[in-house]
């Protein structure tokens, strides 16, 4: 079980091989596995709650703008929740791996454009367009973690179009 925890946290080195103050400092500041799991669950649920609040805001005036903001914040918080499982540095490394760097950049750009359209430009239609593009970018980013999923989606879409 310890080997699995070390692999998920990105710390594959054996504890007896480490010496010096930096490894000791890093070891003393890491969270336990149960704390990481609890942090992930809480952060993930907060992200989902933000998305649900965004959906309820559609019933109010300026609801589309609020929806875009809450939906985007929910996605950001949900994405950040995975940092509890792997650690922030390891998560960033995986996000910007060569196989998913373009998807990661697209997700970040869509987050920014959605927030700009909703908050600064106050264009509800444009915010809705960016929410849709954000959903597509998040889906493409998410399936990059499933082996061969992108190839399957590409083949399915090309078969439907052709």
N, C-alpha and C. Protein backbone atom coordinates (compact mmCIF):
# COMPACT_ATOMS: atom_id res chain seq x y z
N UNK A 1 0.83 -1.19 0.00
CA UNK A 1 0.00 0.00 0.00
C UNK A 1 0.87 1.25 0.00
N UNK A 2 1.99 1.20 0.75
CA UNK A 2 2.89 2.35 0.77
C UNK A 2 3.50 2.60 -0.60
N UNK A 3 3.78 1.51 -1.34
CA UNK A 3 4.34 1.66 -2.67
C UNK A 3 3.34 2.35 -3.60
N UNK A 4 2.05 2.00 -3.49
CA UNK A 4 1.01 2.65 -4.29
C UNK A 4 0.90 4.13 -3.94
N UNK A 5 0.94 4.43 -2.66
CA UNK A 5 0.86 5.84 -2.24
C UNK A 5 2.05 6.63 -2.76
N UNK A 6 3.26 6.04 -2.70
CA UNK A 6 4.46 6.73 -3.21
C UNK A 6 4.35 6.93 -4.72
N UNK A 7 3.81 5.95 -5.42
CA UNK A 7 3.68 6.06 -6.88
C UNK A 7 2.69 7.15 -7.25
N UNK A 8 1.56 7.24 -6.55
CA UNK A 8 0.56 8.27 -6.85
C UNK A 8 1.04 9.66 -6.47
N UNK A 9 1.85 9.74 -5.43
CA UNK A 9 2.34 11.05 -5.02
C UNK A 9 3.57 11.47 -5.80
N UNK A 10 4.11 10.57 -6.64
CA UNK A 10 5.28 10.92 -7.42
C UNK A 10 6.57 10.70 -6.67
N UNK A 11 6.51 10.10 -5.50
CA UNK A 11 7.69 9.88 -4.68
C UNK A 11 8.02 8.39 -4.72
N UNK A 12 8.80 7.97 -5.75
CA UNK A 12 9.12 6.57 -5.92
C UNK A 12 10.35 6.14 -5.13
N UNK A 13 11.08 7.08 -4.58
CA UNK A 13 12.31 6.74 -3.86
C UNK A 13 11.99 6.05 -2.53
N UNK A 14 12.86 5.16 -2.14
CA UNK A 14 12.70 4.46 -0.87
C UNK A 14 13.07 5.39 0.28
N UNK A 15 12.38 5.34 1.41
CA UNK A 15 12.65 6.26 2.51
C UNK A 15 14.07 6.12 3.05
N UNK A 16 14.63 4.89 3.05
CA UNK A 16 15.96 4.73 3.61
C UNK A 16 17.05 5.29 2.70
N UNK A 17 16.73 5.57 1.42
CA UNK A 17 17.70 6.12 0.50
C UNK A 17 17.84 7.63 0.65
N UNK A 18 16.87 8.28 1.27
CA UNK A 18 16.87 9.72 1.37
C UNK A 18 17.65 10.18 2.59
N UNK A 19 18.42 11.22 2.40
CA UNK A 19 19.13 11.81 3.52
C UNK A 19 19.23 13.30 3.27
N UNK A 20 19.48 14.05 4.30
CA UNK A 20 19.57 15.50 4.16
C UNK A 20 18.32 16.17 4.69
N UNK A 21 18.38 17.48 4.73
CA UNK A 21 17.29 18.24 5.33
C UNK A 21 16.10 18.41 4.40
N UNK A 22 16.33 18.53 3.08
CA UNK A 22 15.21 18.74 2.16
C UNK A 22 14.26 17.55 2.11
N UNK A 23 14.75 16.31 1.97
CA UNK A 23 13.80 15.19 1.99
C UNK A 23 13.05 15.07 3.32
N UNK A 24 13.73 15.39 4.43
CA UNK A 24 13.06 15.34 5.72
C UNK A 24 11.99 16.42 5.81
N UNK A 25 12.29 17.61 5.29
CA UNK A 25 11.33 18.70 5.30
C UNK A 25 10.13 18.35 4.42
N UNK A 26 10.39 17.80 3.23
CA UNK A 26 9.31 17.41 2.34
C UNK A 26 8.44 16.32 2.97
N UNK A 27 9.06 15.38 3.67
CA UNK A 27 8.32 14.30 4.31
C UNK A 27 7.46 14.82 5.46
N UNK A 28 7.97 15.82 6.17
CA UNK A 28 7.23 16.32 7.32
C UNK A 28 6.04 17.20 6.91
N UNK A 29 6.06 17.74 5.69
CA UNK A 29 4.98 18.62 5.27
C UNK A 29 3.96 17.94 4.37
N UNK A 30 4.16 16.67 4.05
CA UNK A 30 3.19 16.00 3.19
C UNK A 30 1.96 15.58 3.99
N UNK A 31 0.85 15.48 3.30
CA UNK A 31 -0.39 15.06 3.94
C UNK A 31 -0.49 13.55 3.93
N UNK A 32 -1.19 13.01 4.90
CA UNK A 32 -1.40 11.57 4.92
C UNK A 32 -2.37 11.19 3.80
N UNK A 33 -2.41 9.91 3.47
CA UNK A 33 -3.28 9.46 2.39
C UNK A 33 -4.75 9.75 2.70
N UNK A 34 -5.16 9.53 3.92
CA UNK A 34 -6.57 9.78 4.27
C UNK A 34 -6.89 11.27 4.20
N UNK A 35 -5.95 12.12 4.59
CA UNK A 35 -6.17 13.56 4.50
C UNK A 35 -6.25 14.00 3.05
N UNK A 36 -5.40 13.43 2.20
CA UNK A 36 -5.46 13.75 0.77
C UNK A 36 -6.80 13.33 0.18
N UNK A 37 -7.26 12.16 0.54
CA UNK A 37 -8.53 11.67 0.03
C UNK A 37 -9.69 12.55 0.50
N UNK A 38 -9.67 12.94 1.76
CA UNK A 38 -10.70 13.84 2.29
C UNK A 38 -10.65 15.19 1.59
N UNK A 39 -9.45 15.73 1.37
CA UNK A 39 -9.30 17.00 0.67
C UNK A 39 -9.82 16.93 -0.75
N UNK A 40 -9.53 15.82 -1.43
CA UNK A 40 -10.03 15.63 -2.79
C UNK A 40 -11.56 15.62 -2.79
N UNK A 41 -12.15 14.86 -1.90
CA UNK A 41 -13.62 14.73 -1.87
C UNK A 41 -14.27 16.07 -1.56
N UNK A 42 -13.75 16.79 -0.57
CA UNK A 42 -14.33 18.08 -0.20
C UNK A 42 -14.20 19.08 -1.35
N UNK A 43 -13.01 19.15 -1.95
CA UNK A 43 -12.79 20.09 -3.04
C UNK A 43 -13.65 19.73 -4.25
N UNK A 44 -13.76 18.44 -4.55
CA UNK A 44 -14.57 17.98 -5.66
C UNK A 44 -16.04 18.34 -5.43
N UNK A 45 -16.52 18.12 -4.21
CA UNK A 45 -17.92 18.43 -3.91
C UNK A 45 -18.19 19.93 -3.96
N UNK A 46 -17.23 20.74 -3.54
CA UNK A 46 -17.39 22.20 -3.64
C UNK A 46 -17.48 22.61 -5.11
N UNK A 47 -16.67 22.00 -5.96
CA UNK A 47 -16.72 22.28 -7.39
C UNK A 47 -18.07 21.92 -7.98
N UNK A 48 -18.59 20.77 -7.60
CA UNK A 48 -19.91 20.36 -8.10
C UNK A 48 -20.99 21.30 -7.56
N UNK A 49 -20.88 21.70 -6.30
CA UNK A 49 -21.84 22.64 -5.72
C UNK A 49 -21.85 23.97 -6.48
N UNK A 50 -20.66 24.44 -6.85
CA UNK A 50 -20.59 25.69 -7.63
C UNK A 50 -21.30 25.53 -8.97
N UNK A 51 -21.11 24.40 -9.61
CA UNK A 51 -21.78 24.16 -10.90
C UNK A 51 -23.30 24.10 -10.72
N UNK A 52 -23.76 23.47 -9.65
CA UNK A 52 -25.21 23.40 -9.38
C UNK A 52 -25.76 24.79 -9.08
N UNK A 53 -25.02 25.58 -8.30
CA UNK A 53 -25.45 26.96 -8.03
C UNK A 53 -25.54 27.76 -9.31
N UNK A 54 -24.60 27.51 -10.21
CA UNK A 54 -24.65 28.17 -11.52
C UNK A 54 -25.90 27.81 -12.28
N UNK A 55 -26.29 26.55 -12.20
CA UNK A 55 -27.52 26.12 -12.88
C UNK A 55 -28.75 26.79 -12.29
N UNK A 56 -28.80 26.92 -10.97
CA UNK A 56 -29.92 27.61 -10.33
C UNK A 56 -29.94 29.09 -10.66
N UNK A 57 -28.79 29.67 -10.91
CA UNK A 57 -28.74 31.10 -11.21
C UNK A 57 -29.34 31.44 -12.57
N UNK A 58 -29.57 30.42 -13.39
CA UNK A 58 -30.20 30.67 -14.69
C UNK A 58 -31.62 31.21 -14.55
N UNK A 59 -32.23 31.02 -13.39
CA UNK A 59 -33.61 31.47 -13.17
C UNK A 59 -33.70 32.93 -12.72
N UNK A 60 -32.55 33.57 -12.51
CA UNK A 60 -32.53 34.95 -12.05
C UNK A 60 -32.13 35.88 -13.19
N UNK A 61 -32.35 37.19 -12.98
CA UNK A 61 -31.88 38.14 -13.98
C UNK A 61 -30.35 38.09 -14.02
N UNK A 62 -29.81 38.28 -15.18
CA UNK A 62 -28.36 38.16 -15.42
C UNK A 62 -27.87 36.76 -15.07
N UNK A 63 -28.79 35.81 -15.17
CA UNK A 63 -28.50 34.44 -14.78
C UNK A 63 -27.46 33.77 -15.64
N UNK A 64 -27.45 34.11 -16.93
CA UNK A 64 -26.49 33.47 -17.82
C UNK A 64 -25.06 33.85 -17.47
N UNK A 65 -24.87 35.09 -17.07
CA UNK A 65 -23.54 35.54 -16.65
C UNK A 65 -23.13 34.83 -15.37
N UNK A 66 -24.04 34.78 -14.39
CA UNK A 66 -23.74 34.07 -13.15
C UNK A 66 -23.49 32.59 -13.38
N UNK A 67 -24.27 32.00 -14.29
CA UNK A 67 -24.07 30.60 -14.63
C UNK A 67 -22.66 30.38 -15.16
N UNK A 68 -22.21 31.23 -16.08
CA UNK A 68 -20.88 31.09 -16.66
C UNK A 68 -19.80 31.20 -15.60
N UNK A 69 -19.97 32.14 -14.67
CA UNK A 69 -18.96 32.33 -13.62
C UNK A 69 -18.94 31.13 -12.68
N UNK A 70 -20.10 30.73 -12.19
CA UNK A 70 -20.14 29.59 -11.26
C UNK A 70 -19.72 28.29 -11.93
N UNK A 71 -20.11 28.10 -13.18
CA UNK A 71 -19.73 26.89 -13.90
C UNK A 71 -18.21 26.82 -14.06
N UNK A 72 -17.61 27.94 -14.42
CA UNK A 72 -16.15 27.98 -14.59
C UNK A 72 -15.44 27.78 -13.26
N UNK A 73 -15.90 28.45 -12.21
CA UNK A 73 -15.28 28.26 -10.89
C UNK A 73 -15.42 26.82 -10.43
N UNK A 74 -16.58 26.22 -10.70
CA UNK A 74 -16.77 24.82 -10.35
C UNK A 74 -15.79 23.91 -11.08
N UNK A 75 -15.57 24.16 -12.37
CA UNK A 75 -14.61 23.37 -13.13
C UNK A 75 -13.19 23.56 -12.62
N UNK A 76 -12.83 24.79 -12.29
CA UNK A 76 -11.48 25.06 -11.78
C UNK A 76 -11.27 24.35 -10.44
N UNK A 77 -12.24 24.45 -9.55
CA UNK A 77 -12.11 23.80 -8.24
C UNK A 77 -12.08 22.29 -8.38
N UNK A 78 -12.91 21.75 -9.26
CA UNK A 78 -12.91 20.31 -9.48
C UNK A 78 -11.58 19.84 -10.05
N UNK A 79 -11.03 20.59 -10.98
CA UNK A 79 -9.72 20.25 -11.54
C UNK A 79 -8.63 20.36 -10.48
N UNK A 80 -8.73 21.36 -9.62
CA UNK A 80 -7.74 21.53 -8.55
C UNK A 80 -7.84 20.43 -7.50
N UNK A 81 -9.00 19.80 -7.39
CA UNK A 81 -9.15 18.75 -6.38
C UNK A 81 -8.22 17.57 -6.62
N UNK A 82 -7.85 17.34 -7.87
CA UNK A 82 -6.94 16.23 -8.15
C UNK A 82 -5.53 16.49 -7.63
N UNK A 83 -5.22 17.73 -7.31
CA UNK A 83 -3.91 18.03 -6.72
C UNK A 83 -3.76 17.36 -5.36
N UNK A 84 -4.86 17.12 -4.67
CA UNK A 84 -4.79 16.43 -3.38
C UNK A 84 -4.34 14.99 -3.55
N UNK A 85 -4.73 14.36 -4.65
CA UNK A 85 -4.38 12.95 -4.85
C UNK A 85 -2.93 12.78 -5.28
N UNK A 86 -2.47 13.61 -6.21
CA UNK A 86 -1.13 13.45 -6.76
C UNK A 86 -0.12 14.44 -6.22
N UNK A 87 -0.59 15.51 -5.67
CA UNK A 87 0.29 16.60 -5.29
C UNK A 87 0.31 17.62 -6.42
N UNK A 88 0.44 18.90 -6.08
CA UNK A 88 0.34 19.94 -7.10
C UNK A 88 1.44 19.89 -8.16
N UNK A 89 2.67 19.59 -7.76
CA UNK A 89 3.77 19.57 -8.72
C UNK A 89 3.58 18.41 -9.70
N UNK A 90 3.26 17.25 -9.18
CA UNK A 90 3.04 16.09 -10.04
C UNK A 90 1.84 16.31 -10.96
N UNK A 91 0.79 16.96 -10.46
CA UNK A 91 -0.38 17.25 -11.27
C UNK A 91 -0.03 18.19 -12.42
N UNK A 92 0.74 19.22 -12.12
CA UNK A 92 1.15 20.17 -13.17
C UNK A 92 2.01 19.46 -14.22
N UNK A 93 2.91 18.58 -13.77
CA UNK A 93 3.73 17.82 -14.72
C UNK A 93 2.86 16.98 -15.63
N UNK A 94 1.85 16.32 -15.07
CA UNK A 94 0.97 15.49 -15.88
C UNK A 94 0.11 16.34 -16.81
N UNK A 95 -0.33 17.50 -16.34
CA UNK A 95 -1.15 18.37 -17.17
C UNK A 95 -0.39 18.87 -18.39
N UNK A 96 0.89 19.15 -18.21
CA UNK A 96 1.69 19.70 -19.30
C UNK A 96 2.59 18.66 -19.95
N UNK A 97 2.22 17.39 -19.81
CA UNK A 97 2.92 16.32 -20.52
C UNK A 97 2.68 16.53 -22.02
N UNK A 98 3.61 16.08 -22.86
CA UNK A 98 3.47 16.32 -24.30
C UNK A 98 2.15 15.80 -24.90
N UNK A 99 1.57 14.75 -24.32
CA UNK A 99 0.35 14.20 -24.89
C UNK A 99 -0.88 15.05 -24.60
N UNK A 100 -0.82 15.91 -23.57
CA UNK A 100 -2.01 16.69 -23.25
C UNK A 100 -1.75 18.17 -23.06
N UNK A 101 -0.61 18.68 -23.49
CA UNK A 101 -0.30 20.10 -23.30
C UNK A 101 -1.27 20.99 -24.07
N UNK A 102 -1.64 20.61 -25.28
CA UNK A 102 -2.57 21.43 -26.07
C UNK A 102 -3.95 21.44 -25.41
N UNK A 103 -4.40 20.28 -24.95
CA UNK A 103 -5.70 20.21 -24.27
C UNK A 103 -5.70 21.06 -23.00
N UNK A 104 -4.60 21.02 -22.25
CA UNK A 104 -4.49 21.81 -21.02
C UNK A 104 -4.54 23.30 -21.34
N UNK A 105 -3.82 23.72 -22.35
CA UNK A 105 -3.81 25.13 -22.74
C UNK A 105 -5.20 25.57 -23.19
N UNK A 106 -5.87 24.72 -23.95
CA UNK A 106 -7.23 25.05 -24.40
C UNK A 106 -8.20 25.20 -23.22
N UNK A 107 -8.07 24.32 -22.24
CA UNK A 107 -8.94 24.40 -21.05
C UNK A 107 -8.68 25.71 -20.32
N UNK A 108 -7.43 26.05 -20.10
CA UNK A 108 -7.09 27.28 -19.39
C UNK A 108 -7.56 28.51 -20.17
N UNK A 109 -7.37 28.50 -21.48
CA UNK A 109 -7.83 29.62 -22.31
C UNK A 109 -9.35 29.75 -22.24
N UNK A 110 -10.07 28.63 -22.29
CA UNK A 110 -11.53 28.68 -22.21
C UNK A 110 -12.00 29.16 -20.84
N UNK A 111 -11.30 28.77 -19.78
CA UNK A 111 -11.62 29.30 -18.45
C UNK A 111 -11.52 30.83 -18.49
N UNK A 112 -10.41 31.33 -18.99
CA UNK A 112 -10.18 32.77 -19.04
C UNK A 112 -11.19 33.49 -19.90
N UNK A 113 -11.44 32.97 -21.10
CA UNK A 113 -12.38 33.63 -22.01
C UNK A 113 -13.80 33.63 -21.44
N UNK A 114 -14.19 32.54 -20.79
CA UNK A 114 -15.53 32.50 -20.19
C UNK A 114 -15.66 33.55 -19.10
N UNK A 115 -14.65 33.65 -18.24
CA UNK A 115 -14.71 34.64 -17.17
C UNK A 115 -14.66 36.06 -17.71
N UNK A 116 -13.83 36.31 -18.73
CA UNK A 116 -13.78 37.64 -19.33
C UNK A 116 -15.12 38.00 -19.96
N UNK A 117 -15.71 37.08 -20.71
CA UNK A 117 -16.99 37.37 -21.37
C UNK A 117 -18.09 37.63 -20.35
N UNK A 118 -18.06 36.91 -19.24
CA UNK A 118 -19.12 37.06 -18.24
C UNK A 118 -18.92 38.27 -17.34
N UNK A 119 -17.70 38.47 -16.86
CA UNK A 119 -17.47 39.51 -15.84
C UNK A 119 -17.14 40.86 -16.47
N UNK A 120 -16.18 40.91 -17.36
CA UNK A 120 -15.72 42.21 -17.87
C UNK A 120 -16.50 42.66 -19.09
N UNK A 121 -16.71 41.76 -20.05
CA UNK A 121 -17.40 42.16 -21.26
C UNK A 121 -18.91 42.15 -21.07
N UNK A 122 -19.42 41.39 -20.09
CA UNK A 122 -20.84 41.28 -19.79
C UNK A 122 -21.67 40.90 -21.02
N UNK A 123 -21.16 39.94 -21.77
CA UNK A 123 -21.83 39.43 -22.97
C UNK A 123 -22.32 38.01 -22.68
N UNK A 124 -23.60 37.88 -22.42
CA UNK A 124 -24.15 36.59 -22.01
C UNK A 124 -24.06 35.54 -23.12
N UNK A 125 -24.34 35.93 -24.34
CA UNK A 125 -24.26 34.99 -25.45
C UNK A 125 -22.85 34.48 -25.68
N UNK A 126 -21.90 35.38 -25.61
CA UNK A 126 -20.50 35.00 -25.76
C UNK A 126 -20.05 34.11 -24.61
N UNK A 127 -20.52 34.42 -23.41
CA UNK A 127 -20.19 33.59 -22.24
C UNK A 127 -20.75 32.19 -22.41
N UNK A 128 -21.97 32.08 -22.94
CA UNK A 128 -22.56 30.76 -23.18
C UNK A 128 -21.76 29.99 -24.22
N UNK A 129 -21.33 30.66 -25.28
CA UNK A 129 -20.50 30.01 -26.29
C UNK A 129 -19.21 29.48 -25.66
N UNK A 130 -18.58 30.29 -24.82
CA UNK A 130 -17.33 29.86 -24.17
C UNK A 130 -17.57 28.75 -23.15
N UNK A 131 -18.75 28.72 -22.52
CA UNK A 131 -19.09 27.61 -21.62
C UNK A 131 -19.17 26.31 -22.41
N UNK A 132 -19.78 26.37 -23.58
CA UNK A 132 -19.87 25.17 -24.43
C UNK A 132 -18.48 24.73 -24.87
N UNK A 133 -17.67 25.68 -25.32
CA UNK A 133 -16.30 25.34 -25.73
C UNK A 133 -15.47 24.84 -24.55
N UNK A 134 -15.72 25.40 -23.38
CA UNK A 134 -15.04 24.95 -22.16
C UNK A 134 -15.40 23.50 -21.85
N UNK A 135 -16.66 23.17 -22.01
CA UNK A 135 -17.10 21.79 -21.76
C UNK A 135 -16.43 20.82 -22.73
N UNK A 136 -16.35 21.21 -23.98
CA UNK A 136 -15.67 20.37 -24.96
C UNK A 136 -14.18 20.22 -24.65
N UNK A 137 -13.56 21.33 -24.27
CA UNK A 137 -12.13 21.28 -23.94
C UNK A 137 -11.88 20.43 -22.70
N UNK A 138 -12.74 20.56 -21.69
CA UNK A 138 -12.59 19.73 -20.48
C UNK A 138 -12.81 18.26 -20.79
N UNK A 139 -13.74 17.96 -21.68
CA UNK A 139 -13.97 16.57 -22.06
C UNK A 139 -12.75 16.01 -22.77
N UNK A 140 -12.20 16.77 -23.72
CA UNK A 140 -11.02 16.32 -24.45
C UNK A 140 -9.83 16.15 -23.51
N UNK A 141 -9.68 17.08 -22.57
CA UNK A 141 -8.61 16.98 -21.57
C UNK A 141 -8.81 15.74 -20.70
N UNK A 142 -10.03 15.50 -20.25
CA UNK A 142 -10.30 14.38 -19.36
C UNK A 142 -10.06 13.04 -20.03
N UNK A 143 -10.45 12.91 -21.30
CA UNK A 143 -10.24 11.62 -21.94
C UNK A 143 -8.78 11.39 -22.30
N UNK A 144 -7.95 12.41 -22.16
CA UNK A 144 -6.52 12.20 -22.41
C UNK A 144 -5.89 11.31 -21.35
N UNK A 145 -6.56 11.14 -20.22
CA UNK A 145 -6.06 10.27 -19.16
C UNK A 145 -6.48 8.81 -19.37
N UNK A 146 -7.37 8.55 -20.31
CA UNK A 146 -7.82 7.19 -20.59
C UNK A 146 -7.06 6.69 -21.82
N UNK A 147 -6.32 5.60 -21.69
CA UNK A 147 -5.54 5.12 -22.84
C UNK A 147 -6.42 4.83 -24.05
N UNK A 148 -6.01 5.33 -25.19
CA UNK A 148 -6.65 5.12 -26.50
C UNK A 148 -8.04 5.73 -26.59
N UNK A 149 -8.48 6.50 -25.63
CA UNK A 149 -9.82 7.10 -25.69
C UNK A 149 -9.90 8.17 -26.77
N UNK A 150 -8.85 8.97 -26.92
CA UNK A 150 -8.87 10.00 -27.95
C UNK A 150 -8.98 9.38 -29.34
N UNK A 151 -8.23 8.31 -29.57
CA UNK A 151 -8.30 7.64 -30.87
C UNK A 151 -9.70 7.11 -31.13
N UNK A 152 -10.33 6.54 -30.11
CA UNK A 152 -11.69 6.01 -30.26
C UNK A 152 -12.66 7.13 -30.58
N UNK A 153 -12.53 8.27 -29.93
CA UNK A 153 -13.43 9.40 -30.19
C UNK A 153 -13.20 9.93 -31.60
N UNK A 154 -11.95 10.05 -32.02
CA UNK A 154 -11.66 10.52 -33.38
C UNK A 154 -12.26 9.59 -34.42
N UNK A 155 -12.11 8.28 -34.21
CA UNK A 155 -12.66 7.32 -35.18
C UNK A 155 -14.18 7.36 -35.19
N UNK A 156 -14.79 7.52 -34.04
CA UNK A 156 -16.25 7.58 -33.97
C UNK A 156 -16.78 8.82 -34.68
N UNK A 157 -16.16 9.96 -34.43
CA UNK A 157 -16.59 11.19 -35.06
C UNK A 157 -16.39 11.12 -36.57
N UNK A 158 -15.25 10.60 -37.00
CA UNK A 158 -15.00 10.51 -38.45
C UNK A 158 -15.97 9.52 -39.10
N UNK A 159 -16.35 8.47 -38.40
CA UNK A 159 -17.32 7.51 -38.94
C UNK A 159 -18.70 8.14 -39.03
N UNK A 160 -19.05 8.99 -38.08
CA UNK A 160 -20.36 9.66 -38.11
C UNK A 160 -20.42 10.72 -39.20
N UNK A 161 -19.32 11.39 -39.44
CA UNK A 161 -19.28 12.45 -40.44
C UNK A 161 -19.24 11.86 -41.86
N UNK A 162 -18.47 10.80 -42.03
CA UNK A 162 -18.28 10.21 -43.37
C UNK A 162 -19.44 9.41 -43.85
